[in-house]
Amino acid sequence: MRVALFLTCVNDTLYPDTGRAVVKLLTRLGVEVDFPSAQTCCGQAHYNTGYRHQAEPLAVKFSDVFRDYEAIVTPSGSCGAMVRELYPRLGERARAEGRGDALAAGVAPVVPKTYELTEFLVDVLGVTDVGAYYPHPVTYHPTCHGLRSLRLGDRPARLLRAVKGLELIELPGAEECCGFGGTFAVKNPDVSAAMGVDKVRSAESTGAEVLCAADNSCLMHIGGTMARLRVGMRPVHIAEILASTEEEPLV
């Protein structure tokens, strides 16, 4: 199977190891992974800040770059949700404004074949045991877009439970937002920081060494809060845990 990796802006700029982990993991599972170098921002930042029309050319660009692949895999629930949930909405709004069906038709080919990583593993490849090894106690934070938009459900937990050596500990208040929310953290810094503290204290109460999530933007916010509070936990993307093996362990 030939798929494209949609890495996303945050990962490309700040967390390239997550992208490498996705390639390592999927290749181990027999998937051919391409990284189209023409990919850009999906437009989520523009859309969420109220610049809907400015997000439209980015949606068209995304479709042009990725339309010929069997599947598009991203290690970001929020960017996956932008494509799956909001690209169709962009098309609907353009139609309602009398601008025709071109945008809706343009993005239609990529919407149904864009998958967040854990969705792709469980639903498309049909695997939960990916041969990973990670001997640490871990707690999992289900990010808002993964939880409410993509409805990932127990897919991440099923994958984590199958990891050799990993102890998965339930996170109290798991469904509560961490406070990042993209530009929400900028527009409402005090509320965002307080929510981050609540999330970190809940994670700390588990006694886990690692807090895991499927979105590095949330892990960035949580990790920054952990550093300020001097909490002895590490934020780690689920892709890096699943890519870790006994022969090549994640440090």
C-alpha atoms as a PDB file:
ATOM      1  CA  MET A   1       0.000   0.000   0.000  1.00  0.00           C
ATOM      2  CA  ARG A   2       1.325   3.443  -0.935  1.00  0.00           C
ATOM      3  CA  VAL A   3       0.400   6.275   1.399  1.00  0.00           C
ATOM      4  CA  ALA A   4       1.415   9.879   1.876  1.00  0.00           C
ATOM      5  CA  LEU A   5       2.622  11.320   5.156  1.00  0.00           C
ATOM      6  CA  PHE A   6       1.005  14.663   5.935  1.00  0.00           C
ATOM      7  CA  LEU A   7       3.401  15.844   8.623  1.00  0.00           C
ATOM      8  CA  THR A   8       1.791  19.228   9.480  1.00  0.00           C
ATOM      9  CA  CYS A   9       3.436  22.570  10.221  1.00  0.00           C
ATOM     10  CA  VAL A  10       3.988  22.050  13.950  1.00  0.00           C
ATOM     11  CA  ASN A  11       5.640  18.674  13.483  1.00  0.00           C
ATOM     12  CA  ASP A  12       7.739  19.798  10.538  1.00  0.00           C
ATOM     13  CA  THR A  13       9.013  22.827  12.453  1.00  0.00           C
ATOM     14  CA  LEU A  14       9.298  21.561  16.010  1.00  0.00           C
ATOM     15  CA  TYR A  15       8.834  17.771  16.161  1.00  0.00           C
ATOM     16  CA  PRO A  16      10.428  16.133  13.115  1.00  0.00           C
ATOM     17  CA  ASP A  17      11.169  12.997  15.165  1.00  0.00           C
ATOM     18  CA  THR A  18       7.442  12.280  15.181  1.00  0.00           C
ATOM     19  CA  GLY A  19       7.422  12.201  11.398  1.00  0.00           C
ATOM     20  CA  ARG A  20      10.430   9.898  11.362  1.00  0.00           C
ATOM     21  CA  ALA A  21       8.653   7.631  13.843  1.00  0.00           C
ATOM     22  CA  VAL A  22       5.582   7.408  11.600  1.00  0.00           C
ATOM     23  CA  VAL A  23       7.725   6.417   8.619  1.00  0.00           C
ATOM     24  CA  LYS A  24       9.644   3.860  10.694  1.00  0.00           C
ATOM     25  CA  LEU A  25       6.439   2.358  12.078  1.00  0.00           C
ATOM     26  CA  LEU A  26       4.525   2.147   8.796  1.00  0.00           C
ATOM     27  CA  THR A  27       7.527   0.808   6.904  1.00  0.00           C
ATOM     28  CA  ARG A  28       7.890  -1.918   9.516  1.00  0.00           C
ATOM     29  CA  LEU A  29       4.269  -2.843   8.831  1.00  0.00           C
ATOM     30  CA  GLY A  30       4.876  -3.145   5.094  1.00  0.00           C
ATOM     31  CA  VAL A  31       3.492   0.218   4.000  1.00  0.00           C
ATOM     32  CA  GLU A  32       5.248   2.317   1.353  1.00  0.00           C
ATOM     33  CA  VAL A  33       5.394   5.892   2.649  1.00  0.00           C
ATOM     34  CA  ASP A  34       5.919   8.994   0.503  1.00  0.00           C
ATOM     35  CA  PHE A  35       6.525  12.494   1.800  1.00  0.00           C
ATOM     36  CA  PRO A  36       5.263  14.942  -0.836  1.00  0.00           C
ATOM     37  CA  SER A  37       7.592  17.923  -0.524  1.00  0.00           C
ATOM     38  CA  ALA A  38       4.987  20.311  -1.966  1.00  0.00           C
ATOM     39  CA  GLN A  39       2.749  19.967   1.107  1.00  0.00           C
ATOM     40  CA  THR A  40       2.030  23.120   3.102  1.00  0.00           C
ATOM     41  CA  CYS A  41      -0.233  24.214   5.945  1.00  0.00           C
ATOM     42  CA  CYS A  42      -3.729  22.716   5.794  1.00  0.00           C
ATOM     43  CA  GLY A  43      -5.292  26.076   6.680  1.00  0.00           C
ATOM     44  CA  GLN A  44      -6.421  25.204  10.192  1.00  0.00           C
ATOM     45  CA  ALA A  45      -4.725  28.216  11.782  1.00  0.00           C
ATOM     46  CA  HIS A  46      -6.390  30.548   9.304  1.00  0.00           C
ATOM     47  CA  TYR A  47      -9.821  28.960   9.652  1.00  0.00           C
ATOM     48  CA  ASN A  48      -9.763  28.899  13.452  1.00  0.00           C
ATOM     49  CA  THR A  49      -8.767  32.561  13.577  1.00  0.00           C
ATOM     50  CA  GLY A  50     -11.657  33.628  11.368  1.00  0.00           C
ATOM     51  CA  TYR A  51      -9.871  33.856   8.014  1.00  0.00           C
ATOM     52  CA  ARG A  52     -12.040  31.320   6.211  1.00  0.00           C
ATOM     53  CA  HIS A  53     -11.497  32.651   2.717  1.00  0.00           C
ATOM     54  CA  GLN A  54      -7.728  32.667   3.217  1.00  0.00           C
ATOM     55  CA  ALA A  55      -7.902  28.982   4.226  1.00  0.00           C
ATOM     56  CA  GLU A  56      -9.560  27.992   0.938  1.00  0.00           C
ATOM     57  CA  PRO A  57      -6.445  28.125  -1.304  1.00  0.00           C
ATOM     58  CA  LEU A  58      -4.608  25.965   1.231  1.00  0.00           C
ATOM     59  CA  ALA A  59      -7.397  23.385   1.107  1.00  0.00           C
ATOM     60  CA  VAL A  60      -7.157  23.318  -2.693  1.00  0.00           C
ATOM     61  CA  LYS A  61      -3.366  23.002  -2.465  1.00  0.00           C
ATOM     62  CA  PHE A  62      -3.719  20.087  -0.048  1.00  0.00           C
ATOM     63  CA  SER A  63      -6.046  18.295  -2.439  1.00  0.00           C
ATOM     64  CA  ASP A  64      -3.748  18.906  -5.404  1.00  0.00           C
ATOM     65  CA  VAL A  65      -0.756  17.477  -3.525  1.00  0.00           C
ATOM     66  CA  PHE A  66      -2.415  14.423  -1.981  1.00  0.00           C
ATOM     67  CA  ARG A  67      -5.299  13.378  -4.259  1.00  0.00           C
ATOM     68  CA  ASP A  68      -3.446  10.557  -6.050  1.00  0.00           C
ATOM     69  CA  TYR A  69      -2.501   8.561  -2.945  1.00  0.00           C
ATOM     70  CA  GLU A  70      -4.420   5.578  -1.606  1.00  0.00           C
ATOM     71  CA  ALA A  71      -4.416   7.109   1.853  1.00  0.00           C
ATOM     72  CA  ILE A  72      -3.114  10.202   3.634  1.00  0.00           C
ATOM     73  CA  VAL A  73      -1.798   9.609   7.147  1.00  0.00           C
ATOM     74  CA  THR A  74      -1.160  12.357   9.688  1.00  0.00           C
ATOM     75  CA  PRO A  75       0.147  12.244  13.274  1.00  0.00           C
ATOM     76  CA  SER A  76      -2.157  15.116  14.200  1.00  0.00           C
ATOM     77  CA  GLY A  77      -5.778  14.802  15.239  1.00  0.00           C
ATOM     78  CA  SER A  78      -6.417  18.522  14.804  1.00  0.00           C
ATOM     79  CA  CYS A  79      -5.079  18.702  11.247  1.00  0.00           C
ATOM     80  CA  GLY A  80      -6.835  15.458  10.371  1.00  0.00           C
ATOM     81  CA  ALA A  81     -10.058  16.989  11.649  1.00  0.00           C
ATOM     82  CA  MET A  82      -9.474  20.103   9.563  1.00  0.00           C
ATOM     83  CA  VAL A  83      -9.455  18.011   6.399  1.00  0.00           C
ATOM     84  CA  ARG A  84     -12.222  15.602   7.312  1.00  0.00           C
ATOM     85  CA  GLU A  85     -14.641  17.933   9.100  1.00  0.00           C
ATOM     86  CA  LEU A  86     -13.912  21.454   7.907  1.00  0.00           C
ATOM     87  CA  TYR A  87     -12.902  21.077   4.258  1.00  0.00           C
ATOM     88  CA  PRO A  88     -16.455  19.948   3.387  1.00  0.00           C
ATOM     89  CA  ARG A  89     -17.759  22.899   5.390  1.00  0.00           C
ATOM     90  CA  LEU A  90     -15.569  25.263   3.376  1.00  0.00           C
ATOM     91  CA  GLY A  91     -17.128  23.865   0.210  1.00  0.00           C
ATOM     92  CA  GLU A  92     -20.649  24.195   1.595  1.00  0.00           C
ATOM     93  CA  ARG A  93     -20.080  27.812   2.622  1.00  0.00           C
ATOM     94  CA  ALA A  94     -18.634  28.691  -0.787  1.00  0.00           C
ATOM     95  CA  ARG A  95     -21.707  27.160  -2.445  1.00  0.00           C
ATOM     96  CA  ALA A  96     -24.036  29.053  -0.097  1.00  0.00           C
ATOM     97  CA  GLU A  97     -22.261  32.284  -1.008  1.00  0.00           C
ATOM     98  CA  GLY A  98     -22.983  31.688  -4.693  1.00  0.00           C
ATOM     99  CA  ARG A  99     -19.403  30.801  -5.627  1.00  0.00           C
ATOM    100  CA  GLY A 100     -20.310  27.452  -7.154  1.00  0.00           C
ATOM    101  CA  ASP A 101     -19.266  23.884  -6.455  1.00  0.00           C
ATOM    102  CA  ALA A 102     -15.612  24.097  -7.472  1.00  0.00           C
ATOM    103  CA  LEU A 103     -14.208  24.150  -3.942  1.00  0.00           C
ATOM    104  CA  ALA A 104     -16.411  21.295  -2.721  1.00  0.00           C
ATOM    105  CA  ALA A 105     -15.506  19.207  -5.764  1.00  0.00           C
ATOM    106  CA  GLY A 106     -11.847  20.071  -5.416  1.00  0.00           C
ATOM    107  CA  VAL A 107     -11.464  18.818  -1.847  1.00  0.00           C
ATOM    108  CA  ALA A 108     -13.837  15.857  -2.130  1.00  0.00           C
ATOM    109  CA  PRO A 109     -11.184  13.307  -3.250  1.00  0.00           C
ATOM    110  CA  VAL A 110      -8.988  13.750  -0.158  1.00  0.00           C
ATOM    111  CA  VAL A 111     -11.578  14.018   2.624  1.00  0.00           C
ATOM    112  CA  PRO A 112     -12.529  10.320   3.002  1.00  0.00           C
ATOM    113  CA  LYS A 113      -8.976   8.988   2.694  1.00  0.00           C
ATOM    114  CA  THR A 114      -7.310  11.236   5.270  1.00  0.00           C
ATOM    115  CA  TYR A 115      -6.586   9.348   8.490  1.00  0.00           C
ATOM    116  CA  GLU A 116      -5.101  10.167  11.842  1.00  0.00           C
ATOM    117  CA  LEU A 117      -2.340   7.628  12.518  1.00  0.00           C
ATOM    118  CA  THR A 118      -4.177   5.424  15.049  1.00  0.00           C
ATOM    119  CA  GLU A 119      -7.253   5.314  12.797  1.00  0.00           C
ATOM    120  CA  PHE A 120      -5.130   4.152   9.916  1.00  0.00           C
ATOM    121  CA  LEU A 121      -3.438   1.433  11.970  1.00  0.00           C
ATOM    122  CA  VAL A 122      -6.635   0.020  13.476  1.00  0.00           C
ATOM    123  CA  ASP A 123      -9.233   0.650  10.761  1.00  0.00           C
ATOM    124  CA  VAL A 124      -7.229   0.341   7.536  1.00  0.00           C
ATOM    125  CA  LEU A 125      -4.348  -1.980   8.387  1.00  0.00           C
ATOM    126  CA  GLY A 126      -6.408  -3.877  10.957  1.00  0.00           C
ATOM    127  CA  VAL A 127      -3.624  -4.094  13.547  1.00  0.00           C
ATOM    128  CA  THR A 128      -3.348  -3.231  17.224  1.00  0.00           C
ATOM    129  CA  ASP A 129      -0.100  -5.045  18.048  1.00  0.00           C
ATOM    130  CA  VAL A 130       2.516  -3.242  15.968  1.00  0.00           C
ATOM    131  CA  GLY A 131       5.490  -5.005  17.550  1.00  0.00           C
ATOM    132  CA  ALA A 132       6.410  -2.106  19.819  1.00  0.00           C
ATOM    133  CA  TYR A 133       8.409  -2.203  23.040  1.00  0.00           C
ATOM    134  CA  TYR A 134       8.265   0.605  25.606  1.00  0.00           C
ATOM    135  CA  PRO A 135       8.893  -0.443  29.235  1.00  0.00           C
ATOM    136  CA  HIS A 136       7.376   2.559  31.021  1.00  0.00           C
ATOM    137  CA  PRO A 137       4.153   3.484  32.824  1.00  0.00           C
ATOM    138  CA  VAL A 138       2.163   5.727  30.479  1.00  0.00           C
ATOM    139  CA  THR A 139      -1.031   7.747  30.745  1.00  0.00           C
ATOM    140  CA  TYR A 140      -2.951   8.854  27.642  1.00  0.00           C
ATOM    141  CA  HIS A 141      -4.559  12.240  26.986  1.00  0.00           C
ATOM    142  CA  PRO A 142      -7.270  12.143  24.274  1.00  0.00           C
ATOM    143  CA  THR A 143      -7.014  15.518  22.581  1.00  0.00           C
ATOM    144  CA  CYS A 144     -10.157  17.479  21.782  1.00  0.00           C
ATOM    145  CA  HIS A 145     -10.095  17.035  18.001  1.00  0.00           C
ATOM    146  CA  GLY A 146      -9.291  13.346  18.290  1.00  0.00           C
ATOM    147  CA  LEU A 147     -11.996  12.850  20.881  1.00  0.00           C
ATOM    148  CA  ARG A 148     -14.822  15.012  19.551  1.00  0.00           C
ATOM    149  CA  SER A 149     -14.184  15.521  15.835  1.00  0.00           C
ATOM    150  CA  LEU A 150     -12.513  12.308  14.680  1.00  0.00           C
ATOM    151  CA  ARG A 151     -14.033  10.196  17.475  1.00  0.00           C
ATOM    152  CA  LEU A 152     -10.921   8.059  17.859  1.00  0.00           C
ATOM    153  CA  GLY A 153     -12.498   6.276  20.814  1.00  0.00           C
ATOM    154  CA  ASP A 154     -10.388   3.453  22.209  1.00  0.00           C
ATOM    155  CA  ARG A 155      -8.129   3.026  19.177  1.00  0.00           C
ATOM    156  CA  PRO A 156      -5.095   4.694  20.817  1.00  0.00           C
ATOM    157  CA  ALA A 157      -5.633   2.750  24.053  1.00  0.00           C
ATOM    158  CA  ARG A 158      -5.886  -0.562  22.182  1.00  0.00           C
ATOM    159  CA  LEU A 159      -2.589   0.145  20.466  1.00  0.00           C
ATOM    160  CA  LEU A 160      -0.895   1.170  23.706  1.00  0.00           C
ATOM    161  CA  ARG A 161      -2.152  -1.869  25.623  1.00  0.00           C
ATOM    162  CA  ALA A 162      -0.519  -4.118  23.030  1.00  0.00           C
ATOM    163  CA  VAL A 163       2.915  -2.503  23.480  1.00  0.00           C
ATOM    164  CA  LYS A 164       5.306  -4.878  25.232  1.00  0.00           C
ATOM    165  CA  GLY A 165       6.432  -3.610  28.629  1.00  0.00           C
ATOM    166  CA  LEU A 166       4.050  -0.646  28.684  1.00  0.00           C
ATOM    167  CA  GLU A 167       1.721  -0.107  31.642  1.00  0.00           C
ATOM    168  CA  LEU A 168      -1.251   2.043  30.618  1.00  0.00           C
ATOM    169  CA  ILE A 169      -2.698   4.056  33.514  1.00  0.00           C
ATOM    170  CA  GLU A 170      -6.058   5.801  33.199  1.00  0.00           C
ATOM    171  CA  LEU A 171      -5.914   9.597  33.269  1.00  0.00           C
ATOM    172  CA  PRO A 172      -8.432  11.260  35.619  1.00  0.00           C
ATOM    173  CA  GLY A 173     -10.539  13.850  33.791  1.00  0.00           C
ATOM    174  CA  ALA A 174      -9.146  12.594  30.509  1.00  0.00           C
ATOM    175  CA  GLU A 175     -11.880  14.204  28.417  1.00  0.00           C
ATOM    176  CA  GLU A 176     -11.156  17.700  29.741  1.00  0.00           C
ATOM    177  CA  CYS A 177      -9.292  20.008  27.338  1.00  0.00           C
ATOM    178  CA  CYS A 178      -5.640  20.746  28.103  1.00  0.00           C
ATOM    179  CA  GLY A 179      -6.172  24.439  27.351  1.00  0.00           C
ATOM    180  CA  PHE A 180      -4.135  24.823  24.172  1.00  0.00           C
ATOM    181  CA  GLY A 181      -6.780  25.181  21.461  1.00  0.00           C
ATOM    182  CA  GLY A 182      -4.396  26.823  18.990  1.00  0.00           C
ATOM    183  CA  THR A 183      -5.062  30.564  19.045  1.00  0.00           C
ATOM    184  CA  PHE A 184      -7.210  30.093  22.177  1.00  0.00           C
ATOM    185  CA  ALA A 185      -3.970  29.938  24.161  1.00  0.00           C
ATOM    186  CA  VAL A 186      -2.961  33.307  22.735  1.00  0.00           C
ATOM    187  CA  LYS A 187      -6.337  35.015  23.081  1.00  0.00           C
ATOM    188  CA  ASN A 188      -7.082  33.628  26.556  1.00  0.00           C
ATOM    189  CA  PRO A 189      -3.663  33.023  28.138  1.00  0.00           C
ATOM    190  CA  ASP A 190      -4.767  32.984  31.779  1.00  0.00           C
ATOM    191  CA  VAL A 191      -7.584  30.495  31.188  1.00  0.00           C
ATOM    192  CA  SER A 192      -5.338  28.409  28.950  1.00  0.00           C
ATOM    193  CA  ALA A 193      -2.581  28.277  31.569  1.00  0.00           C
ATOM    194  CA  ALA A 194      -5.027  27.302  34.324  1.00  0.00           C
ATOM    195  CA  MET A 195      -6.445  24.488  32.210  1.00  0.00           C
ATOM    196  CA  GLY A 196      -2.924  23.310  31.475  1.00  0.00           C
ATOM    197  CA  VAL A 197      -2.123  23.162  35.191  1.00  0.00           C
ATOM    198  CA  ASP A 198      -5.276  21.127  35.849  1.00  0.00           C
ATOM    199  CA  LYS A 199      -4.318  18.664  33.120  1.00  0.00           C
ATOM    200  CA  VAL A 200      -0.750  18.305  34.393  1.00  0.00           C
ATOM    201  CA  ARG A 201      -1.852  17.779  37.981  1.00  0.00           C
ATOM    202  CA  SER A 202      -4.237  15.054  36.817  1.00  0.00           C
ATOM    203  CA  ALA A 203      -1.425  13.404  34.872  1.00  0.00           C
ATOM    204  CA  GLU A 204       0.942  13.701  37.811  1.00  0.00           C
ATOM    205  CA  SER A 205      -1.566  11.937  40.073  1.00  0.00           C
ATOM    206  CA  THR A 206      -1.282   8.758  37.970  1.00  0.00           C
ATOM    207  CA  GLY A 207       2.353   8.202  38.873  1.00  0.00           C
ATOM    208  CA  ALA A 208       3.141   7.592  35.196  1.00  0.00           C
ATOM    209  CA  GLU A 209       6.515   8.511  33.739  1.00  0.00           C
ATOM    210  CA  VAL A 210       5.063   9.559  30.388  1.00  0.00           C
ATOM    211  CA  LEU A 211       2.013  11.451  29.194  1.00  0.00           C
ATOM    212  CA  CYS A 212       1.129  10.361  25.686  1.00  0.00           C
ATOM    213  CA  ALA A 213      -1.149  11.970  23.094  1.00  0.00           C
ATOM    214  CA  ALA A 214      -1.769  11.873  19.351  1.00  0.00           C
ATOM    215  CA  ASP A 215      -1.183  15.585  18.753  1.00  0.00           C
ATOM    216  CA  ASN A 216       2.073  17.445  19.390  1.00  0.00           C
ATOM    217  CA  SER A 217       0.398  20.837  19.654  1.00  0.00           C
ATOM    218  CA  CYS A 218      -1.337  19.681  22.837  1.00  0.00           C
ATOM    219  CA  LEU A 219       1.832  17.968  24.046  1.00  0.00           C
ATOM    220  CA  MET A 220       3.734  21.213  23.500  1.00  0.00           C
ATOM    221  CA  HIS A 221       1.306  23.059  25.764  1.00  0.00           C
ATOM    222  CA  ILE A 222       1.254  20.320  28.381  1.00  0.00           C
ATOM    223  CA  GLY A 223       5.026  19.857  28.223  1.00  0.00           C
ATOM    224  CA  GLY A 224       5.621  23.558  28.746  1.00  0.00           C
ATOM    225  CA  THR A 225       3.350  23.481  31.774  1.00  0.00           C
ATOM    226  CA  MET A 226       5.179  20.430  33.119  1.00  0.00           C
ATOM    227  CA  ALA A 227       8.497  22.237  32.762  1.00  0.00           C
ATOM    228  CA  ARG A 228       7.254  25.322  34.596  1.00  0.00           C
ATOM    229  CA  LEU A 229       5.789  23.210  37.399  1.00  0.00           C
ATOM    230  CA  ARG A 230       8.959  21.073  37.528  1.00  0.00           C
ATOM    231  CA  VAL A 231       6.939  17.892  37.135  1.00  0.00           C
ATOM    232  CA  GLY A 232       9.025  14.790  36.468  1.00  0.00           C
ATOM    233  CA  MET A 233       7.022  13.502  33.501  1.00  0.00           C
ATOM    234  CA  ARG A 234       7.736  13.462  29.782  1.00  0.00           C
ATOM    235  CA  PRO A 235       5.278  14.287  26.991  1.00  0.00           C
ATOM    236  CA  VAL A 236       5.689  11.757  24.151  1.00  0.00           C
ATOM    237  CA  HIS A 237       3.740  11.408  20.908  1.00  0.00           C
ATOM    238  CA  ILE A 238       2.067   8.024  20.470  1.00  0.00           C
ATOM    239  CA  ALA A 239       3.843   7.515  17.125  1.00  0.00           C
ATOM    240  CA  GLU A 240       7.215   7.509  18.876  1.00  0.00           C
ATOM    241  CA  ILE A 241       6.053   4.908  21.399  1.00  0.00           C
ATOM    242  CA  LEU A 242       4.624   2.672  18.678  1.00  0.00           C
ATOM    243  CA  ALA A 243       7.817   2.990  16.618  1.00  0.00           C
ATOM    244  CA  SER A 244      10.003   1.907  19.554  1.00  0.00           C
ATOM    245  CA  THR A 245      11.225  -1.704  19.534  1.00  0.00           C
ATOM    246  CA  GLU A 246      13.554  -3.830  21.656  1.00  0.00           C
ATOM    247  CA  GLU A 247      16.179  -3.618  18.899  1.00  0.00           C
ATOM    248  CA  GLU A 248      15.720   0.139  18.429  1.00  0.00           C
ATOM    249  CA  PRO A 249      14.188   1.486  21.666  1.00  0.00           C
ATOM    250  CA  LEU A 250      12.992   5.035  22.097  1.00  0.00           C
ATOM    251  CA  VAL A 251      15.393   6.679  24.538  1.00  0.00           C
END
